[in-house]
Amino acid sequence: MEKRGVPTAAIITHVFLNTAQAMTRMMGVPEYRYVVAQHPLSSLTDDEVKQRANELADEVESILTGAPVAA
């Protein structure tokens, strides 16, 4: 989608960080930004998922808009 001009924000969990870094290097975009969440996600309750999403929202917005993350 990025190649079509549609901003995207990928979210991965920290256990996939090495894989994500390898994939972005392999695809020729080692500077590609993504959000790294703590693993696991599948065992979280609905409220915990909402909390996690709120914690990641600023970084997702920063990636989508190209603006730096607010301090």
N, C-alpha and C. Protein backbone atom coordinates (compact mmCIF):
# COMPACT_ATOMS: atom_id res chain seq x y z
N MET A 1 0.81 -1.18 0.00
CA MET A 1 0.00 0.00 0.00
C MET A 1 0.86 1.25 0.00
N GLU A 2 1.98 1.19 0.70
CA GLU A 2 2.90 2.33 0.71
C GLU A 2 3.35 2.68 -0.71
N LYS A 3 3.64 1.66 -1.52
CA LYS A 3 4.07 1.91 -2.90
C LYS A 3 2.98 2.59 -3.72
N ARG A 4 1.72 2.44 -3.31
CA ARG A 4 0.60 3.08 -3.99
C ARG A 4 0.26 4.44 -3.37
N GLY A 5 1.08 4.86 -2.41
CA GLY A 5 0.88 6.16 -1.80
C GLY A 5 -0.09 6.18 -0.63
N VAL A 6 -0.45 4.99 -0.13
CA VAL A 6 -1.35 4.91 1.01
C VAL A 6 -0.52 4.69 2.27
N PRO A 7 -0.51 5.68 3.18
CA PRO A 7 0.27 5.50 4.41
C PRO A 7 -0.22 4.28 5.20
N THR A 8 0.71 3.53 5.71
CA THR A 8 0.38 2.36 6.52
C THR A 8 1.25 2.34 7.77
N ALA A 9 0.76 1.68 8.78
CA ALA A 9 1.53 1.52 10.01
C ALA A 9 1.46 0.06 10.42
N ALA A 10 2.55 -0.62 10.28
CA ALA A 10 2.62 -2.03 10.68
C ALA A 10 2.88 -2.11 12.17
N ILE A 11 2.20 -3.04 12.82
CA ILE A 11 2.41 -3.28 14.25
C ILE A 11 2.85 -4.73 14.40
N ILE A 12 4.00 -4.90 15.05
CA ILE A 12 4.51 -6.24 15.30
C ILE A 12 4.72 -6.39 16.81
N THR A 13 4.90 -7.61 17.25
CA THR A 13 5.28 -7.80 18.65
C THR A 13 6.79 -7.99 18.72
N HIS A 14 7.33 -7.73 19.90
CA HIS A 14 8.79 -7.71 20.04
C HIS A 14 9.46 -9.03 19.68
N VAL A 15 8.75 -10.14 19.75
CA VAL A 15 9.38 -11.41 19.39
C VAL A 15 9.64 -11.52 17.89
N PHE A 16 9.02 -10.65 17.09
CA PHE A 16 9.22 -10.67 15.64
C PHE A 16 10.13 -9.54 15.17
N LEU A 17 10.79 -8.85 16.09
CA LEU A 17 11.64 -7.72 15.73
C LEU A 17 12.77 -8.11 14.79
N ASN A 18 13.47 -9.18 15.08
CA ASN A 18 14.57 -9.60 14.20
C ASN A 18 14.06 -9.95 12.80
N THR A 19 12.91 -10.61 12.74
CA THR A 19 12.32 -10.95 11.44
C THR A 19 11.93 -9.70 10.68
N ALA A 20 11.31 -8.75 11.36
CA ALA A 20 10.90 -7.50 10.70
C ALA A 20 12.12 -6.74 10.18
N GLN A 21 13.17 -6.68 10.96
CA GLN A 21 14.40 -6.00 10.52
C GLN A 21 15.00 -6.70 9.30
N ALA A 22 15.02 -8.02 9.31
CA ALA A 22 15.55 -8.76 8.16
C ALA A 22 14.69 -8.54 6.92
N MET A 23 13.38 -8.55 7.10
CA MET A 23 12.47 -8.37 5.95
C MET A 23 12.61 -6.98 5.34
N THR A 24 12.69 -5.95 6.17
CA THR A 24 12.81 -4.60 5.62
C THR A 24 14.15 -4.42 4.91
N ARG A 25 15.21 -5.02 5.43
CA ARG A 25 16.51 -4.96 4.73
C ARG A 25 16.42 -5.70 3.41
N MET A 26 15.81 -6.88 3.42
CA MET A 26 15.69 -7.69 2.22
C MET A 26 14.85 -6.99 1.15
N MET A 27 13.85 -6.24 1.58
CA MET A 27 12.98 -5.54 0.63
C MET A 27 13.55 -4.18 0.21
N GLY A 28 14.73 -3.85 0.72
CA GLY A 28 15.39 -2.61 0.32
C GLY A 28 14.89 -1.37 1.02
N VAL A 29 14.20 -1.54 2.14
CA VAL A 29 13.71 -0.38 2.91
C VAL A 29 14.06 -0.55 4.40
N PRO A 30 15.36 -0.60 4.70
CA PRO A 30 15.75 -0.85 6.09
C PRO A 30 15.30 0.24 7.06
N GLU A 31 14.96 1.42 6.53
CA GLU A 31 14.52 2.52 7.39
C GLU A 31 13.01 2.49 7.64
N TYR A 32 12.30 1.51 7.07
CA TYR A 32 10.85 1.41 7.23
C TYR A 32 10.50 1.37 8.72
N ARG A 33 9.59 2.23 9.12
CA ARG A 33 9.19 2.31 10.53
C ARG A 33 7.99 1.43 10.80
N TYR A 34 7.99 0.79 11.94
CA TYR A 34 6.86 -0.01 12.40
C TYR A 34 6.78 0.12 13.90
N VAL A 35 5.63 -0.19 14.44
CA VAL A 35 5.40 -0.10 15.87
C VAL A 35 5.67 -1.46 16.50
N VAL A 36 6.38 -1.46 17.60
CA VAL A 36 6.70 -2.71 18.28
C VAL A 36 5.92 -2.77 19.60
N ALA A 37 5.03 -3.76 19.70
CA ALA A 37 4.24 -3.98 20.91
C ALA A 37 4.82 -5.15 21.69
N GLN A 38 4.50 -5.21 22.95
CA GLN A 38 4.93 -6.34 23.76
C GLN A 38 4.09 -7.57 23.41
N HIS A 39 4.72 -8.70 23.42
CA HIS A 39 4.09 -9.99 23.14
C HIS A 39 3.66 -10.59 24.47
N PRO A 40 2.60 -11.30 24.55
CA PRO A 40 1.66 -11.68 23.50
C PRO A 40 0.49 -10.69 23.42
N LEU A 41 -0.27 -10.81 22.36
CA LEU A 41 -1.49 -10.02 22.20
C LEU A 41 -2.74 -10.91 22.30
N SER A 42 -2.64 -12.13 21.83
CA SER A 42 -3.82 -12.99 21.71
C SER A 42 -4.46 -13.35 23.04
N SER A 43 -3.72 -13.28 24.13
CA SER A 43 -4.29 -13.67 25.43
C SER A 43 -4.83 -12.47 26.21
N LEU A 44 -4.79 -11.27 25.62
CA LEU A 44 -5.26 -10.08 26.32
C LEU A 44 -6.79 -10.02 26.35
N THR A 45 -7.32 -9.41 27.39
CA THR A 45 -8.76 -9.17 27.45
C THR A 45 -9.08 -7.98 26.54
N ASP A 46 -10.35 -7.76 26.28
CA ASP A 46 -10.76 -6.61 25.45
C ASP A 46 -10.24 -5.30 26.05
N ASP A 47 -10.35 -5.16 27.35
CA ASP A 47 -9.88 -3.93 27.99
C ASP A 47 -8.36 -3.78 27.87
N GLU A 48 -7.64 -4.89 27.98
CA GLU A 48 -6.18 -4.84 27.84
C GLU A 48 -5.79 -4.48 26.40
N VAL A 49 -6.54 -4.98 25.43
CA VAL A 49 -6.27 -4.64 24.03
C VAL A 49 -6.49 -3.14 23.82
N LYS A 50 -7.56 -2.61 24.36
CA LYS A 50 -7.82 -1.17 24.26
C LYS A 50 -6.71 -0.36 24.90
N GLN A 51 -6.25 -0.80 26.06
CA GLN A 51 -5.16 -0.11 26.74
C GLN A 51 -3.89 -0.15 25.89
N ARG A 52 -3.58 -1.31 25.33
CA ARG A 52 -2.39 -1.46 24.49
C ARG A 52 -2.49 -0.57 23.27
N ALA A 53 -3.68 -0.53 22.65
CA ALA A 53 -3.89 0.32 21.48
C ALA A 53 -3.68 1.79 21.83
N ASN A 54 -4.19 2.21 22.97
CA ASN A 54 -3.98 3.59 23.41
C ASN A 54 -2.51 3.90 23.62
N GLU A 55 -1.76 2.94 24.13
CA GLU A 55 -0.33 3.13 24.35
C GLU A 55 0.43 3.28 23.04
N LEU A 56 -0.05 2.64 21.98
CA LEU A 56 0.64 2.64 20.69
C LEU A 56 0.14 3.73 19.74
N ALA A 57 -0.97 4.35 20.07
CA ALA A 57 -1.65 5.27 19.15
C ALA A 57 -0.77 6.42 18.68
N ASP A 58 -0.02 7.05 19.58
CA ASP A 58 0.82 8.18 19.17
C ASP A 58 1.88 7.77 18.16
N GLU A 59 2.46 6.60 18.37
CA GLU A 59 3.49 6.12 17.44
C GLU A 59 2.88 5.75 16.08
N VAL A 60 1.70 5.15 16.10
CA VAL A 60 1.01 4.84 14.84
C VAL A 60 0.70 6.13 14.09
N GLU A 61 0.17 7.12 14.80
CA GLU A 61 -0.14 8.41 14.18
C GLU A 61 1.11 9.05 13.59
N SER A 62 2.21 8.98 14.31
CA SER A 62 3.47 9.53 13.84
C SER A 62 3.90 8.89 12.53
N ILE A 63 3.78 7.59 12.43
CA ILE A 63 4.15 6.88 11.20
C ILE A 63 3.23 7.28 10.06
N LEU A 64 1.93 7.35 10.34
CA LEU A 64 0.97 7.68 9.28
C LEU A 64 1.10 9.10 8.78
N THR A 65 1.44 10.03 9.65
CA THR A 65 1.51 11.44 9.28
C THR A 65 2.92 11.91 8.95
N GLY A 66 3.92 11.13 9.36
CA GLY A 66 5.30 11.55 9.15
C GLY A 66 5.78 12.55 10.18
N ALA A 67 4.96 12.84 11.16
CA ALA A 67 5.32 13.76 12.23
C ALA A 67 6.06 13.02 13.34
N PRO A 68 6.95 13.71 14.04
CA PRO A 68 7.62 13.05 15.15
C PRO A 68 6.65 12.73 16.28
N VAL A 69 6.98 11.72 17.07
CA VAL A 69 6.15 11.34 18.20
C VAL A 69 6.23 12.45 19.23
N ALA A 70 5.07 12.88 19.72
CA ALA A 70 5.03 13.93 20.75
C ALA A 70 5.66 13.41 22.04
N ALA A 71 6.40 14.27 22.70
CA ALA A 71 7.07 13.86 23.94
C ALA A 71 6.13 13.80 25.10
